[in-house]
C-alpha atoms as a PDB file:
ATOM      1  CA  UNK A   1     -68.592 -50.764 -26.745  1.00  0.00           C
ATOM      2  CA  UNK A   2     -67.317 -51.981 -30.240  1.00  0.00           C
ATOM      3  CA  UNK A   3     -66.825 -55.751 -30.644  1.00  0.00           C
ATOM      4  CA  UNK A   4     -63.562 -57.430 -31.323  1.00  0.00           C
ATOM      5  CA  UNK A   5     -62.116 -57.239 -34.787  1.00  0.00           C
ATOM      6  CA  UNK A   6     -63.122 -60.388 -36.876  1.00  0.00           C
ATOM      7  CA  UNK A   7     -61.439 -59.502 -40.135  1.00  0.00           C
ATOM      8  CA  UNK A   8     -58.179 -60.945 -40.990  1.00  0.00           C
ATOM      9  CA  UNK A   9     -55.703 -58.287 -41.737  1.00  0.00           C
ATOM     10  CA  UNK A  10     -52.600 -60.418 -42.450  1.00  0.00           C
ATOM     11  CA  UNK A  11     -50.867 -59.983 -45.818  1.00  0.00           C
ATOM     12  CA  UNK A  12     -47.559 -61.186 -47.625  1.00  0.00           C
ATOM     13  CA  UNK A  13     -45.114 -58.649 -48.871  1.00  0.00           C
ATOM     14  CA  UNK A  14     -42.069 -59.558 -50.715  1.00  0.00           C
ATOM     15  CA  UNK A  15     -42.669 -63.043 -49.181  1.00  0.00           C
ATOM     16  CA  UNK A  16     -42.631 -61.677 -45.819  1.00  0.00           C
ATOM     17  CA  UNK A  17     -45.718 -62.733 -43.748  1.00  0.00           C
ATOM     18  CA  UNK A  18     -47.286 -59.230 -42.021  1.00  0.00           C
ATOM     19  CA  UNK A  19     -49.675 -58.825 -39.491  1.00  0.00           C
ATOM     20  CA  UNK A  20     -51.193 -55.909 -41.565  1.00  0.00           C
ATOM     21  CA  UNK A  21     -50.593 -53.992 -44.866  1.00  0.00           C
ATOM     22  CA  UNK A  22     -49.490 -51.031 -42.647  1.00  0.00           C
ATOM     23  CA  UNK A  23     -45.616 -50.459 -43.151  1.00  0.00           C
ATOM     24  CA  UNK A  24     -43.630 -47.638 -41.801  1.00  0.00           C
ATOM     25  CA  UNK A  25     -41.936 -46.083 -44.902  1.00  0.00           C
ATOM     26  CA  UNK A  26     -38.458 -44.507 -44.649  1.00  0.00           C
ATOM     27  CA  UNK A  27     -38.472 -41.611 -42.993  1.00  0.00           C
ATOM     28  CA  UNK A  28     -36.883 -39.609 -39.987  1.00  0.00           C
ATOM     29  CA  UNK A  29     -39.026 -41.728 -37.661  1.00  0.00           C
ATOM     30  CA  UNK A  30     -37.533 -44.921 -38.863  1.00  0.00           C
ATOM     31  CA  UNK A  31     -33.949 -43.779 -38.255  1.00  0.00           C
ATOM     32  CA  UNK A  32     -34.132 -44.076 -34.415  1.00  0.00           C
ATOM     33  CA  UNK A  33     -34.551 -47.462 -32.480  1.00  0.00           C
ATOM     34  CA  UNK A  34     -36.778 -45.864 -29.770  1.00  0.00           C
ATOM     35  CA  UNK A  35     -39.188 -44.406 -32.474  1.00  0.00           C
ATOM     36  CA  UNK A  36     -39.125 -47.958 -34.136  1.00  0.00           C
ATOM     37  CA  UNK A  37     -40.128 -49.530 -31.011  1.00  0.00           C
ATOM     38  CA  UNK A  38     -42.886 -47.116 -30.749  1.00  0.00           C
ATOM     39  CA  UNK A  39     -44.139 -47.877 -34.270  1.00  0.00           C
ATOM     40  CA  UNK A  40     -43.936 -51.656 -33.571  1.00  0.00           C
ATOM     41  CA  UNK A  41     -46.005 -51.238 -30.215  1.00  0.00           C
ATOM     42  CA  UNK A  42     -48.442 -49.375 -32.007  1.00  0.00           C
ATOM     43  CA  UNK A  43     -49.021 -52.005 -34.582  1.00  0.00           C
ATOM     44  CA  UNK A  44     -46.766 -51.504 -37.544  1.00  0.00           C
ATOM     45  CA  UNK A  45     -46.220 -54.347 -39.530  1.00  0.00           C
ATOM     46  CA  UNK A  46     -42.797 -53.668 -40.948  1.00  0.00           C
ATOM     47  CA  UNK A  47     -40.341 -50.782 -41.023  1.00  0.00           C
ATOM     48  CA  UNK A  48     -38.263 -49.623 -43.833  1.00  0.00           C
ATOM     49  CA  UNK A  49     -35.300 -47.683 -42.513  1.00  0.00           C
ATOM     50  CA  UNK A  50     -33.974 -44.377 -44.102  1.00  0.00           C
ATOM     51  CA  UNK A  51     -31.735 -44.868 -47.200  1.00  0.00           C
ATOM     52  CA  UNK A  52     -28.154 -45.296 -47.155  1.00  0.00           C
ATOM     53  CA  UNK A  53     -26.262 -43.624 -49.866  1.00  0.00           C
ATOM     54  CA  UNK A  54     -23.183 -44.757 -51.846  1.00  0.00           C
ATOM     55  CA  UNK A  55     -21.558 -41.347 -51.039  1.00  0.00           C
ATOM     56  CA  UNK A  56     -21.779 -42.236 -47.479  1.00  0.00           C
ATOM     57  CA  UNK A  57     -19.840 -45.599 -47.560  1.00  0.00           C
ATOM     58  CA  UNK A  58     -16.140 -45.067 -47.276  1.00  0.00           C
ATOM     59  CA  UNK A  59     -13.747 -47.340 -49.134  1.00  0.00           C
ATOM     60  CA  UNK A  60     -10.638 -47.991 -47.211  1.00  0.00           C
ATOM     61  CA  UNK A  61      -7.646 -48.704 -49.239  1.00  0.00           C
ATOM     62  CA  UNK A  62      -6.340 -51.587 -46.894  1.00  0.00           C
ATOM     63  CA  UNK A  63      -9.376 -53.469 -45.314  1.00  0.00           C
ATOM     64  CA  UNK A  64     -13.021 -54.385 -45.952  1.00  0.00           C
ATOM     65  CA  UNK A  65     -15.667 -52.231 -47.000  1.00  0.00           C
ATOM     66  CA  UNK A  66     -17.902 -51.170 -44.289  1.00  0.00           C
ATOM     67  CA  UNK A  67     -21.457 -49.340 -43.759  1.00  0.00           C
ATOM     68  CA  UNK A  68     -21.363 -46.066 -42.142  1.00  0.00           C
ATOM     69  CA  UNK A  69     -21.244 -46.879 -38.260  1.00  0.00           C
ATOM     70  CA  UNK A  70     -24.355 -44.855 -37.380  1.00  0.00           C
ATOM     71  CA  UNK A  71     -26.407 -46.990 -40.189  1.00  0.00           C
ATOM     72  CA  UNK A  72     -24.706 -50.333 -38.997  1.00  0.00           C
ATOM     73  CA  UNK A  73     -25.816 -49.434 -35.472  1.00  0.00           C
ATOM     74  CA  UNK A  74     -29.410 -48.575 -36.410  1.00  0.00           C
ATOM     75  CA  UNK A  75     -29.863 -51.717 -38.564  1.00  0.00           C
ATOM     76  CA  UNK A  76     -28.312 -53.921 -35.537  1.00  0.00           C
ATOM     77  CA  UNK A  77     -30.430 -52.062 -33.158  1.00  0.00           C
ATOM     78  CA  UNK A  78     -33.611 -52.382 -35.314  1.00  0.00           C
ATOM     79  CA  UNK A  79     -33.054 -56.261 -35.647  1.00  0.00           C
ATOM     80  CA  UNK A  80     -32.297 -56.638 -31.733  1.00  0.00           C
ATOM     81  CA  UNK A  81     -35.351 -54.647 -30.751  1.00  0.00           C
ATOM     82  CA  UNK A  82     -37.982 -55.528 -33.141  1.00  0.00           C
ATOM     83  CA  UNK A  83     -39.948 -58.946 -33.767  1.00  0.00           C
ATOM     84  CA  UNK A  84     -41.284 -57.194 -37.263  1.00  0.00           C
ATOM     85  CA  UNK A  85     -39.246 -57.480 -40.358  1.00  0.00           C
ATOM     86  CA  UNK A  86     -36.638 -54.744 -41.028  1.00  0.00           C
ATOM     87  CA  UNK A  87     -36.207 -53.485 -44.556  1.00  0.00           C
ATOM     88  CA  UNK A  88     -33.128 -51.646 -45.546  1.00  0.00           C
ATOM     89  CA  UNK A  89     -33.195 -48.953 -48.067  1.00  0.00           C
ATOM     90  CA  UNK A  90     -30.319 -48.164 -50.350  1.00  0.00           C
ATOM     91  CA  UNK A  91     -29.423 -45.481 -53.029  1.00  0.00           C
ATOM     92  CA  UNK A  92     -26.428 -45.973 -55.250  1.00  0.00           C
ATOM     93  CA  UNK A  93     -24.827 -43.901 -57.944  1.00  0.00           C
ATOM     94  CA  UNK A  94     -22.565 -46.470 -59.595  1.00  0.00           C
ATOM     95  CA  UNK A  95     -23.192 -50.409 -60.707  1.00  0.00           C
ATOM     96  CA  UNK A  96     -20.596 -51.367 -58.156  1.00  0.00           C
ATOM     97  CA  UNK A  97     -21.782 -49.189 -55.580  1.00  0.00           C
ATOM     98  CA  UNK A  98     -25.381 -50.603 -55.769  1.00  0.00           C
ATOM     99  CA  UNK A  99     -24.046 -54.180 -55.256  1.00  0.00           C
ATOM    100  CA  UNK A 100     -21.500 -53.280 -52.575  1.00  0.00           C
ATOM    101  CA  UNK A 101     -24.383 -51.672 -50.390  1.00  0.00           C
ATOM    102  CA  UNK A 102     -26.754 -54.401 -51.270  1.00  0.00           C
ATOM    103  CA  UNK A 103     -24.186 -57.140 -49.861  1.00  0.00           C
ATOM    104  CA  UNK A 104     -23.352 -55.114 -46.850  1.00  0.00           C
ATOM    105  CA  UNK A 105     -26.980 -54.916 -45.872  1.00  0.00           C
ATOM    106  CA  UNK A 106     -27.423 -58.236 -46.346  1.00  0.00           C
ATOM    107  CA  UNK A 107     -24.692 -59.205 -44.242  1.00  0.00           C
ATOM    108  CA  UNK A 108     -25.802 -56.806 -41.487  1.00  0.00           C
ATOM    109  CA  UNK A 109     -28.932 -58.713 -41.169  1.00  0.00           C
ATOM    110  CA  UNK A 110     -31.625 -56.766 -43.143  1.00  0.00           C
ATOM    111  CA  UNK A 111     -34.602 -58.881 -43.894  1.00  0.00           C
ATOM    112  CA  UNK A 112     -35.262 -57.288 -47.253  1.00  0.00           C
ATOM    113  CA  UNK A 113     -33.961 -54.430 -49.410  1.00  0.00           C
ATOM    114  CA  UNK A 114     -35.787 -51.468 -51.055  1.00  0.00           C
ATOM    115  CA  UNK A 115     -33.756 -50.109 -53.889  1.00  0.00           C
ATOM    116  CA  UNK A 116     -34.228 -46.241 -53.732  1.00  0.00           C
ATOM    117  CA  UNK A 117     -34.079 -45.305 -57.376  1.00  0.00           C
ATOM    118  CA  UNK A 118     -33.947 -41.826 -56.889  1.00  0.00           C
ATOM    119  CA  UNK A 119     -31.953 -39.697 -59.588  1.00  0.00           C
ATOM    120  CA  UNK A 120     -32.769 -36.785 -61.442  1.00  0.00           C
ATOM    121  CA  UNK A 121     -31.204 -37.194 -65.228  1.00  0.00           C
ATOM    122  CA  UNK A 122     -29.774 -33.873 -66.371  1.00  0.00           C
ATOM    123  CA  UNK A 123     -27.359 -35.106 -69.182  1.00  0.00           C
ATOM    124  CA  UNK A 124     -29.382 -34.320 -72.441  1.00  0.00           C
ATOM    125  CA  UNK A 125     -27.468 -37.065 -74.235  1.00  0.00           C
ATOM    126  CA  UNK A 126     -28.682 -39.787 -71.814  1.00  0.00           C
ATOM    127  CA  UNK A 127     -31.904 -41.460 -73.359  1.00  0.00           C
ATOM    128  CA  UNK A 128     -34.820 -42.745 -71.364  1.00  0.00           C
ATOM    129  CA  UNK A 129     -33.922 -46.145 -72.893  1.00  0.00           C
ATOM    130  CA  UNK A 130     -30.455 -45.890 -71.441  1.00  0.00           C
ATOM    131  CA  UNK A 131     -31.796 -45.194 -68.024  1.00  0.00           C
ATOM    132  CA  UNK A 132     -34.233 -47.886 -67.982  1.00  0.00           C
ATOM    133  CA  UNK A 133     -31.619 -50.198 -68.934  1.00  0.00           C
ATOM    134  CA  UNK A 134     -29.131 -49.110 -66.190  1.00  0.00           C
ATOM    135  CA  UNK A 135     -31.789 -49.552 -63.388  1.00  0.00           C
ATOM    136  CA  UNK A 136     -32.593 -53.051 -64.827  1.00  0.00           C
ATOM    137  CA  UNK A 137     -29.107 -54.244 -64.969  1.00  0.00           C
ATOM    138  CA  UNK A 138     -28.608 -52.806 -61.187  1.00  0.00           C
ATOM    139  CA  UNK A 139     -31.525 -54.901 -60.113  1.00  0.00           C
ATOM    140  CA  UNK A 140     -30.374 -58.067 -61.847  1.00  0.00           C
ATOM    141  CA  UNK A 141     -26.945 -58.003 -60.756  1.00  0.00           C
ATOM    142  CA  UNK A 142     -28.190 -57.539 -57.121  1.00  0.00           C
ATOM    143  CA  UNK A 143     -30.782 -60.217 -57.364  1.00  0.00           C
ATOM    144  CA  UNK A 144     -28.062 -62.512 -58.702  1.00  0.00           C
ATOM    145  CA  UNK A 145     -25.870 -61.711 -55.676  1.00  0.00           C
ATOM    146  CA  UNK A 146     -28.106 -61.429 -52.761  1.00  0.00           C
ATOM    147  CA  UNK A 147     -30.561 -63.939 -50.969  1.00  0.00           C
ATOM    148  CA  UNK A 148     -33.142 -61.506 -49.356  1.00  0.00           C
ATOM    149  CA  UNK A 149     -36.185 -60.276 -51.109  1.00  0.00           C
ATOM    150  CA  UNK A 150     -35.664 -56.970 -53.291  1.00  0.00           C
ATOM    151  CA  UNK A 151     -38.240 -54.368 -53.818  1.00  0.00           C
ATOM    152  CA  UNK A 152     -37.394 -51.411 -56.204  1.00  0.00           C
ATOM    153  CA  UNK A 153     -38.854 -47.910 -55.501  1.00  0.00           C
ATOM    154  CA  UNK A 154     -39.595 -46.209 -58.631  1.00  0.00           C
ATOM    155  CA  UNK A 155     -40.484 -42.665 -59.884  1.00  0.00           C
ATOM    156  CA  UNK A 156     -43.571 -42.316 -62.124  1.00  0.00           C
ATOM    157  CA  UNK A 157     -41.757 -40.395 -64.931  1.00  0.00           C
ATOM    158  CA  UNK A 158     -41.683 -43.213 -67.459  1.00  0.00           C
ATOM    159  CA  UNK A 159     -43.141 -43.082 -71.076  1.00  0.00           C
ATOM    160  CA  UNK A 160     -44.280 -46.688 -70.708  1.00  0.00           C
ATOM    161  CA  UNK A 161     -44.533 -47.478 -67.110  1.00  0.00           C
ATOM    162  CA  UNK A 162     -46.170 -50.908 -67.514  1.00  0.00           C
ATOM    163  CA  UNK A 163     -43.302 -51.940 -70.041  1.00  0.00           C
ATOM    164  CA  UNK A 164     -40.824 -50.998 -67.384  1.00  0.00           C
ATOM    165  CA  UNK A 165     -42.661 -52.833 -64.635  1.00  0.00           C
ATOM    166  CA  UNK A 166     -42.928 -55.986 -66.652  1.00  0.00           C
ATOM    167  CA  UNK A 167     -39.120 -55.658 -67.294  1.00  0.00           C
ATOM    168  CA  UNK A 168     -38.333 -55.253 -63.491  1.00  0.00           C
ATOM    169  CA  UNK A 169     -40.207 -58.716 -63.227  1.00  0.00           C
ATOM    170  CA  UNK A 170     -37.853 -60.156 -65.894  1.00  0.00           C
ATOM    171  CA  UNK A 171     -34.908 -58.712 -63.845  1.00  0.00           C
ATOM    172  CA  UNK A 172     -36.065 -60.656 -60.843  1.00  0.00           C
ATOM    173  CA  UNK A 173     -37.380 -57.963 -58.667  1.00  0.00           C
ATOM    174  CA  UNK A 174     -39.715 -59.165 -55.843  1.00  0.00           C
ATOM    175  CA  UNK A 175     -41.761 -56.279 -55.554  1.00  0.00           C
ATOM    176  CA  UNK A 176     -42.331 -52.702 -56.752  1.00  0.00           C
ATOM    177  CA  UNK A 177     -42.868 -49.577 -54.605  1.00  0.00           C
ATOM    178  CA  UNK A 178     -45.119 -47.002 -56.275  1.00  0.00           C
ATOM    179  CA  UNK A 179     -43.746 -43.903 -56.202  1.00  0.00           C
ATOM    180  CA  UNK A 180     -40.814 -42.351 -55.147  1.00  0.00           C
ATOM    181  CA  UNK A 181     -41.460 -38.639 -54.567  1.00  0.00           C
ATOM    182  CA  UNK A 182     -38.882 -36.158 -55.883  1.00  0.00           C
ATOM    183  CA  UNK A 183     -38.170 -33.258 -53.452  1.00  0.00           C
ATOM    184  CA  UNK A 184     -38.605 -30.021 -55.516  1.00  0.00           C
ATOM    185  CA  UNK A 185     -36.485 -27.281 -54.440  1.00  0.00           C
ATOM    186  CA  UNK A 186     -37.514 -23.435 -54.147  1.00  0.00           C
ATOM    187  CA  UNK A 187     -35.604 -20.414 -54.719  1.00  0.00           C
ATOM    188  CA  UNK A 188     -34.593 -18.034 -51.890  1.00  0.00           C
ATOM    189  CA  UNK A 189     -34.818 -14.701 -53.645  1.00  0.00           C
ATOM    190  CA  UNK A 190     -32.908 -12.731 -51.056  1.00  0.00           C
ATOM    191  CA  UNK A 191     -29.795 -15.050 -51.401  1.00  0.00           C
ATOM    192  CA  UNK A 192     -30.543 -15.803 -55.115  1.00  0.00           C
ATOM    193  CA  UNK A 193     -29.782 -19.514 -54.435  1.00  0.00           C
ATOM    194  CA  UNK A 194     -31.586 -22.736 -54.361  1.00  0.00           C
ATOM    195  CA  UNK A 195     -33.171 -23.591 -51.196  1.00  0.00           C
ATOM    196  CA  UNK A 196     -34.010 -26.961 -50.261  1.00  0.00           C
ATOM    197  CA  UNK A 197     -37.880 -27.506 -49.523  1.00  0.00           C
ATOM    198  CA  UNK A 198     -39.506 -30.587 -47.925  1.00  0.00           C
ATOM    199  CA  UNK A 199     -43.269 -30.568 -48.019  1.00  0.00           C
ATOM    200  CA  UNK A 200     -45.104 -33.360 -46.535  1.00  0.00           C
ATOM    201  CA  UNK A 201     -47.614 -35.314 -48.748  1.00  0.00           C
ATOM    202  CA  UNK A 202     -51.275 -34.677 -49.246  1.00  0.00           C
ATOM    203  CA  UNK A 203     -54.083 -37.139 -49.929  1.00  0.00           C
ATOM    204  CA  UNK A 204     -54.393 -36.041 -53.458  1.00  0.00           C
ATOM    205  CA  UNK A 205     -51.154 -37.573 -54.342  1.00  0.00           C
ATOM    206  CA  UNK A 206     -52.587 -41.153 -53.896  1.00  0.00           C
ATOM    207  CA  UNK A 207     -54.387 -40.848 -57.484  1.00  0.00           C
ATOM    208  CA  UNK A 208     -51.453 -41.655 -59.658  1.00  0.00           C
ATOM    209  CA  UNK A 209     -50.561 -44.707 -57.521  1.00  0.00           C
ATOM    210  CA  UNK A 210     -53.897 -45.903 -57.226  1.00  0.00           C
ATOM    211  CA  UNK A 211     -54.100 -46.032 -61.419  1.00  0.00           C
ATOM    212  CA  UNK A 212     -50.909 -47.577 -61.910  1.00  0.00           C
ATOM    213  CA  UNK A 213     -51.509 -50.432 -59.223  1.00  0.00           C
ATOM    214  CA  UNK A 214     -55.086 -51.058 -60.478  1.00  0.00           C
ATOM    215  CA  UNK A 215     -53.471 -51.606 -63.925  1.00  0.00           C
ATOM    216  CA  UNK A 216     -50.642 -53.752 -62.792  1.00  0.00           C
ATOM    217  CA  UNK A 217     -52.286 -55.738 -60.036  1.00  0.00           C
ATOM    218  CA  UNK A 218     -53.081 -58.611 -62.540  1.00  0.00           C
ATOM    219  CA  UNK A 219     -50.502 -58.181 -64.791  1.00  0.00           C
ATOM    220  CA  UNK A 220     -47.024 -58.808 -63.163  1.00  0.00           C
ATOM    221  CA  UNK A 221     -46.505 -61.551 -60.592  1.00  0.00           C
ATOM    222  CA  UNK A 222     -44.709 -59.636 -57.752  1.00  0.00           C
ATOM    223  CA  UNK A 223     -45.583 -57.702 -54.676  1.00  0.00           C
ATOM    224  CA  UNK A 224     -46.867 -54.024 -55.141  1.00  0.00           C
ATOM    225  CA  UNK A 225     -46.863 -51.381 -52.382  1.00  0.00           C
ATOM    226  CA  UNK A 226     -48.279 -47.989 -52.636  1.00  0.00           C
ATOM    227  CA  UNK A 227     -46.678 -45.019 -50.986  1.00  0.00           C
ATOM    228  CA  UNK A 228     -47.313 -41.110 -50.898  1.00  0.00           C
ATOM    229  CA  UNK A 229     -50.421 -39.355 -49.830  1.00  0.00           C
ATOM    230  CA  UNK A 230     -51.812 -42.131 -47.214  1.00  0.00           C
ATOM    231  CA  UNK A 231     -53.324 -40.178 -44.398  1.00  0.00           C
ATOM    232  CA  UNK A 232     -56.494 -41.653 -43.502  1.00  0.00           C
ATOM    233  CA  UNK A 233     -58.243 -45.293 -43.433  1.00  0.00           C
ATOM    234  CA  UNK A 234     -60.070 -44.215 -46.928  1.00  0.00           C
ATOM    235  CA  UNK A 235     -56.383 -43.852 -48.524  1.00  0.00           C
ATOM    236  CA  UNK A 236     -55.499 -47.499 -47.054  1.00  0.00           C
ATOM    237  CA  UNK A 237     -58.625 -49.111 -48.194  1.00  0.00           C
ATOM    238  CA  UNK A 238     -58.426 -47.351 -51.705  1.00  0.00           C
ATOM    239  CA  UNK A 239     -54.940 -48.975 -52.119  1.00  0.00           C
ATOM    240  CA  UNK A 240     -55.925 -52.407 -50.952  1.00  0.00           C
ATOM    241  CA  UNK A 241     -59.037 -52.364 -53.276  1.00  0.00           C
ATOM    242  CA  UNK A 242     -56.884 -51.715 -56.337  1.00  0.00           C
ATOM    243  CA  UNK A 243     -54.426 -54.391 -55.373  1.00  0.00           C
ATOM    244  CA  UNK A 244     -51.740 -53.240 -53.100  1.00  0.00           C
ATOM    245  CA  UNK A 245     -49.938 -55.777 -50.852  1.00  0.00           C
ATOM    246  CA  UNK A 246     -48.559 -53.128 -48.470  1.00  0.00           C
ATOM    247  CA  UNK A 247     -49.405 -49.530 -47.656  1.00  0.00           C
ATOM    248  CA  UNK A 248     -46.390 -47.412 -46.930  1.00  0.00           C
ATOM    249  CA  UNK A 249     -46.749 -44.773 -44.371  1.00  0.00           C
ATOM    250  CA  UNK A 250     -44.481 -41.513 -43.997  1.00  0.00           C
ATOM    251  CA  UNK A 251     -46.212 -38.289 -43.876  1.00  0.00           C
ATOM    252  CA  UNK A 252     -49.026 -39.295 -41.507  1.00  0.00           C
ATOM    253  CA  UNK A 253     -46.618 -40.685 -39.002  1.00  0.00           C
ATOM    254  CA  UNK A 254     -44.482 -37.479 -39.117  1.00  0.00           C
ATOM    255  CA  UNK A 255     -47.766 -35.596 -38.481  1.00  0.00           C
ATOM    256  CA  UNK A 256     -49.513 -37.577 -35.984  1.00  0.00           C
ATOM    257  CA  UNK A 257     -46.730 -39.684 -34.452  1.00  0.00           C
ATOM    258  CA  UNK A 258     -46.699 -43.681 -34.171  1.00  0.00           C
ATOM    259  CA  UNK A 259     -50.307 -43.536 -32.632  1.00  0.00           C
ATOM    260  CA  UNK A 260     -51.496 -43.088 -36.188  1.00  0.00           C
ATOM    261  CA  UNK A 261     -50.626 -46.731 -36.896  1.00  0.00           C
ATOM    262  CA  UNK A 262     -53.011 -48.075 -34.125  1.00  0.00           C
ATOM    263  CA  UNK A 263     -55.938 -45.763 -35.327  1.00  0.00           C
ATOM    264  CA  UNK A 264     -55.435 -46.911 -39.120  1.00  0.00           C
ATOM    265  CA  UNK A 265     -55.307 -50.491 -37.902  1.00  0.00           C
ATOM    266  CA  UNK A 266     -58.629 -50.200 -36.014  1.00  0.00           C
ATOM    267  CA  UNK A 267     -60.334 -48.356 -38.491  1.00  0.00           C
ATOM    268  CA  UNK A 268     -59.024 -50.835 -41.290  1.00  0.00           C
ATOM    269  CA  UNK A 269     -60.639 -53.712 -39.381  1.00  0.00           C
ATOM    270  CA  UNK A 270     -63.802 -51.989 -38.439  1.00  0.00           C
ATOM    271  CA  UNK A 271     -64.323 -50.952 -42.338  1.00  0.00           C
ATOM    272  CA  UNK A 272     -63.836 -54.511 -43.320  1.00  0.00           C
ATOM    273  CA  UNK A 273     -66.093 -55.956 -40.545  1.00  0.00           C
ATOM    274  CA  UNK A 274     -68.847 -53.443 -41.212  1.00  0.00           C
ATOM    275  CA  UNK A 275     -68.663 -54.013 -45.040  1.00  0.00           C
ATOM    276  CA  UNK A 276     -68.686 -58.049 -44.647  1.00  0.00           C
ATOM    277  CA  UNK A 277     -65.227 -58.520 -45.625  1.00  0.00           C
ATOM    278  CA  UNK A 278     -63.585 -61.500 -43.663  1.00  0.00           C
ATOM    279  CA  UNK A 279     -60.015 -60.325 -44.683  1.00  0.00           C
ATOM    280  CA  UNK A 280     -57.855 -57.851 -46.153  1.00  0.00           C
ATOM    281  CA  UNK A 281     -57.052 -60.592 -49.059  1.00  0.00           C
ATOM    282  CA  UNK A 282     -61.105 -60.538 -49.922  1.00  0.00           C
ATOM    283  CA  UNK A 283     -60.869 -56.824 -50.797  1.00  0.00           C
ATOM    284  CA  UNK A 284     -57.427 -56.549 -52.379  1.00  0.00           C
ATOM    285  CA  UNK A 285     -57.856 -56.162 -56.070  1.00  0.00           C
ATOM    286  CA  UNK A 286     -61.591 -55.779 -56.184  1.00  0.00           C
ATOM    287  CA  UNK A 287     -61.468 -52.459 -58.164  1.00  0.00           C
ATOM    288  CA  UNK A 288     -58.238 -53.286 -60.134  1.00  0.00           C
ATOM    289  CA  UNK A 289     -58.436 -53.676 -63.965  1.00  0.00           C
ATOM    290  CA  UNK A 290     -58.133 -57.134 -63.611  1.00  0.00           C
ATOM    291  CA  UNK A 291     -61.504 -57.928 -65.480  1.00  0.00           C
ATOM    292  CA  UNK A 292     -60.786 -55.447 -68.407  1.00  0.00           C
ATOM    293  CA  UNK A 293     -59.211 -56.873 -71.524  1.00  0.00           C
ATOM    294  CA  UNK A 294     -57.913 -53.632 -72.643  1.00  0.00           C
ATOM    295  CA  UNK A 295     -56.784 -51.188 -69.986  1.00  0.00           C
ATOM    296  CA  UNK A 296     -55.870 -48.565 -72.324  1.00  0.00           C
ATOM    297  CA  UNK A 297     -59.453 -48.295 -73.524  1.00  0.00           C
ATOM    298  CA  UNK A 298     -60.595 -48.260 -69.919  1.00  0.00           C
ATOM    299  CA  UNK A 299     -58.228 -45.507 -68.880  1.00  0.00           C
ATOM    300  CA  UNK A 300     -59.438 -43.412 -71.826  1.00  0.00           C
ATOM    301  CA  UNK A 301     -63.009 -43.971 -70.940  1.00  0.00           C
ATOM    302  CA  UNK A 302     -62.091 -42.649 -67.442  1.00  0.00           C
ATOM    303  CA  UNK A 303     -60.543 -39.763 -68.578  1.00  0.00           C
ATOM    304  CA  UNK A 304     -63.340 -38.873 -70.938  1.00  0.00           C
ATOM    305  CA  UNK A 305     -66.005 -39.408 -67.960  1.00  0.00           C
ATOM    306  CA  UNK A 306     -63.817 -37.285 -65.695  1.00  0.00           C
ATOM    307  CA  UNK A 307     -63.714 -34.219 -68.198  1.00  0.00           C
ATOM    308  CA  UNK A 308     -67.678 -34.459 -68.669  1.00  0.00           C
ATOM    309  CA  UNK A 309     -68.130 -34.684 -64.953  1.00  0.00           C
ATOM    310  CA  UNK A 310     -66.211 -31.365 -64.626  1.00  0.00           C
ATOM    311  CA  UNK A 311     -63.534 -32.594 -62.307  1.00  0.00           C
END
């Protein structure tokens, strides 16, 4: 029989004290109170609810703005049923919409906000710099208005992502979630129409997140969360080793159900115990670029080494 877990799995994310780094990311599972209870019972340390979209928020001519009733009920139910932090996710389209949603979610009792910056820029006259400035203004306005912590879930499609991350810190973001996963459409050849296509992640997708958390860990003073491609305990350990404060789970929960959380928690503790780590904190950042004076040179060396190895 295995001995009791000794390693301390606790972590801090967005200033919230969590029992472990394992967080249920936004997915259909987190949109149901019964499923949320099952996730908490299985050991998840926090939950991120599905995004509420600006298009869903009705604007009454005579009366206060309100959240969609279904979302308000979900948030209220989650707060009533769970002891763990409940993070609300939001996606706006206008500056006023982002701000209004943030205020409504804070009033409804969310413990923190995740700004789901998901937008495909199709205007050829909108520059990358303009897109960045728009996001930074939104983050700054929200942080100037709400009191609860705010994380920004971003895409990897920036020319100079380290600079964007640094400016998000200047805009007072409390954390960054790396990375948002764009859903890629397909084509229905019979109907000649664009068809939605949702494919769950694979472990290969984790590599881009690993790279950037490793680069940013010692360079920006905010929480970092890794998402996309986490399917087994090795994926969890790799993200912690490069410096992640939280590990966001979605596809693995949809594939294996809430029980996957308990399995990953036990495997995480067993690995730490077996390798002489007293805590998650002792492992965190041990494989980041913290000790490298020139991260760009380090990255180039890894690129050359990979090519020479033929992988």
